[in-house]
Amino acid sequence: MTDDKIIQTDHPLSEDQKSVLDALLNLIIPSSGDGRMPGAAEMDFLGYLVGDESGFLPKLVQVLNAIVDAADSSHGKSFTEINESDQLDLVNSLRSSKGELFNRLTNQVMACYYQDDRVMRGLGLEPRPPFPKGNQVDEGDLSLLEPVRQRGEIWRKV
């Protein structure tokens, strides 16, 4: 079979990696105690990455592998088997050495999270794009464009 005939899955993580990711997502954004706001693990984060940010998937695998290795070496257990406090300590220690990866992951999680309708409703906002229903945009001072107008045409007519 040639490489172009291989069918790829929509979720390129193993089951163990998915469970570590869910635990990590709940550390990043836990659900609210009153049930009004969902946790990040309740979002389709992998679907978001596959659809919108597939270039981040290899970085995600790096983060998950680092967590698995650190949990095994420091606790002798899977990340999902240690308590939440130890999970948080482990992730915080990894952040000091792999901060850029963890920061990018956190940004991706937040981008996915705040696109969810349940989150928007939980924040008291209507789950819709800002336009075409629109947000009111104040009229600006167009005299500020005068220096640009005074430059004249700076393009080539064709």
Protein backbone atom coordinates (compact mmCIF):
# COMPACT_ATOMS: atom_id res chain seq x y z
CA MET A 1 0.00 0.00 0.00
CA THR A 2 1.37 3.42 -0.89
CA ASP A 3 1.39 6.35 1.48
CA ASP A 4 -1.27 8.23 -0.50
CA LYS A 5 -3.75 5.41 0.19
CA ILE A 6 -3.43 5.59 3.98
CA ILE A 7 -6.57 6.79 5.71
CA GLN A 8 -5.84 9.16 8.54
CA THR A 9 -8.08 9.51 11.56
CA ASP A 10 -9.61 12.79 12.62
CA HIS A 11 -8.09 12.27 16.06
CA PRO A 12 -4.41 11.45 15.73
CA LEU A 13 -3.92 10.71 19.45
CA SER A 14 -3.89 7.38 21.22
CA GLU A 15 -6.51 6.68 23.88
CA ASP A 16 -3.90 7.28 26.61
CA GLN A 17 -2.94 10.61 25.06
CA LYS A 18 -6.61 11.60 24.85
CA SER A 19 -7.15 10.86 28.55
CA VAL A 20 -4.04 12.88 29.48
CA LEU A 21 -5.30 15.70 27.26
CA ASP A 22 -8.71 15.67 28.97
CA ALA A 23 -7.08 15.86 32.40
CA LEU A 24 -4.82 18.68 31.20
CA LEU A 25 -7.75 20.59 29.68
CA ASN A 26 -9.59 20.39 33.00
CA LEU A 27 -6.54 21.87 34.71
CA ILE A 28 -6.39 24.75 32.22
CA ILE A 29 -10.11 25.61 32.39
CA PRO A 30 -12.11 23.62 34.95
CA SER A 31 -15.89 23.62 34.89
CA SER A 32 -17.62 26.00 37.27
CA GLY A 33 -18.96 24.61 40.52
CA ASP A 34 -22.47 25.77 39.69
CA GLY A 35 -22.50 24.02 36.30
CA ARG A 36 -23.00 27.28 34.41
CA MET A 37 -19.65 27.15 32.65
CA PRO A 38 -18.31 23.96 31.07
CA GLY A 39 -14.73 22.86 31.48
CA ALA A 40 -12.31 22.85 28.56
CA ALA A 41 -12.42 19.05 28.40
CA GLU A 42 -16.08 19.33 27.41
CA MET A 43 -15.13 21.16 24.22
CA ASP A 44 -14.20 19.33 21.02
CA PHE A 45 -10.63 20.55 21.31
CA LEU A 46 -9.17 17.91 19.00
CA GLY A 47 -11.83 18.65 16.40
CA TYR A 48 -10.95 22.33 16.66
CA LEU A 49 -7.25 21.59 16.15
CA VAL A 50 -7.84 19.23 13.24
CA GLY A 51 -10.14 21.73 11.54
CA ASP A 52 -8.51 25.06 12.31
CA GLU A 53 -5.02 24.58 13.76
CA SER A 54 -3.70 21.25 12.45
CA GLY A 55 -0.15 22.63 12.44
CA PHE A 56 -0.26 22.60 16.25
CA LEU A 57 -0.95 18.84 16.51
CA PRO A 58 2.75 17.82 16.55
CA LYS A 59 3.36 20.37 19.33
CA LEU A 60 0.40 18.96 21.27
CA VAL A 61 1.90 15.48 21.02
CA GLN A 62 5.19 16.87 22.38
CA VAL A 63 3.38 18.38 25.37
CA LEU A 64 1.46 15.18 26.08
CA ASN A 65 4.58 13.01 25.79
CA ALA A 66 6.47 15.32 28.16
CA ILE A 67 3.63 15.03 30.69
CA VAL A 68 3.47 11.24 30.38
CA ASP A 69 7.25 10.93 30.84
CA ALA A 70 7.32 13.34 33.79
CA ALA A 71 4.45 11.58 35.57
CA ASP A 72 6.07 8.20 35.09
CA SER A 73 9.49 9.34 36.30
CA SER A 74 8.28 11.40 39.28
CA HIS A 75 5.29 9.35 40.45
CA GLY A 76 5.67 5.95 38.80
CA LYS A 77 2.08 6.31 37.61
CA SER A 78 0.10 7.58 34.68
CA PHE A 79 -0.74 11.29 34.73
CA THR A 80 -4.43 10.43 35.01
CA GLU A 81 -3.78 8.23 38.08
CA ILE A 82 -2.20 10.95 40.20
CA ASN A 83 -4.33 13.43 42.14
CA GLU A 84 -5.20 16.83 40.72
CA SER A 85 -2.84 18.70 43.03
CA ASP A 86 0.11 16.56 41.89
CA GLN A 87 -1.01 16.96 38.27
CA LEU A 88 -0.96 20.71 38.67
CA ASP A 89 2.48 20.66 40.31
CA LEU A 90 3.83 18.47 37.51
CA VAL A 91 2.43 20.72 34.77
CA ASN A 92 3.75 23.85 36.49
CA SER A 93 7.23 22.33 36.73
CA LEU A 94 7.14 21.46 33.03
CA ARG A 95 6.03 24.99 32.19
CA SER A 96 9.33 26.30 33.48
CA SER A 97 11.29 24.23 30.95
CA LYS A 98 8.79 24.08 28.09
CA GLY A 99 6.98 27.37 28.63
CA GLU A 100 6.52 28.31 24.99
CA LEU A 101 4.81 25.00 24.17
CA PHE A 102 2.51 25.26 27.18
CA ASN A 103 1.71 28.90 26.43
CA ARG A 104 0.76 28.02 22.85
CA LEU A 105 -1.38 25.16 24.13
CA THR A 106 -3.13 27.46 26.60
CA ASN A 107 -3.81 29.99 23.82
CA GLN A 108 -5.25 27.27 21.59
CA VAL A 109 -7.46 25.99 24.41
CA MET A 110 -8.80 29.49 25.09
CA ALA A 111 -9.45 30.13 21.39
CA CYS A 112 -11.46 26.92 21.18
CA TYR A 113 -13.22 27.47 24.50
CA TYR A 114 -14.51 30.97 23.81
CA GLN A 115 -15.99 29.92 20.46
CA ASP A 116 -18.41 27.52 22.15
CA ASP A 117 -22.05 28.62 22.40
CA ARG A 118 -22.40 27.29 25.98
CA VAL A 119 -19.51 29.46 27.10
CA MET A 120 -20.90 32.55 25.41
CA ARG A 121 -24.32 32.01 27.02
CA GLY A 122 -22.63 31.36 30.38
CA LEU A 123 -20.96 34.75 30.04
CA GLY A 124 -24.33 36.35 29.33
CA LEU A 125 -23.54 36.97 25.67
CA GLU A 126 -25.50 36.00 22.61
CA PRO A 127 -23.69 33.15 20.79
CA ARG A 128 -23.31 34.75 17.39
CA PRO A 129 -20.69 36.46 15.29
CA PRO A 130 -20.39 40.20 15.92
CA PHE A 131 -21.65 40.94 12.40
CA PRO A 132 -24.02 41.10 10.44
CA LYS A 133 -26.34 41.81 13.36
CA GLY A 134 -23.57 44.13 14.28
CA ASN A 135 -22.01 46.00 17.08
CA GLN A 136 -22.30 49.76 17.11
CA VAL A 137 -19.11 51.32 15.79
CA ASP A 138 -18.55 54.94 16.69
CA GLU A 139 -17.87 57.26 13.78
CA GLY A 140 -14.23 58.29 13.70
CA ASP A 141 -12.55 61.59 12.97
CA LEU A 142 -11.85 61.33 9.23
CA SER A 143 -9.65 64.46 9.33
CA LEU A 144 -6.96 62.16 10.73
CA LEU A 145 -6.61 60.74 7.21
CA GLU A 146 -5.57 64.12 5.76
CA PRO A 147 -1.80 63.35 5.75
CA VAL A 148 -2.52 60.21 3.74
CA ARG A 149 -4.65 62.13 1.25
CA GLN A 150 -1.91 64.78 0.88
CA ARG A 151 0.57 62.11 -0.22
CA GLY A 152 -1.43 61.71 -3.39
CA GLU A 153 -1.56 58.56 -5.45
CA ILE A 154 1.26 56.18 -4.59
CA TRP A 155 0.19 53.32 -6.82
CA ARG A 156 0.82 52.61 -10.44
CA LYS A 157 -2.18 52.82 -12.75
CA VAL A 158 -2.57 49.83 -15.02
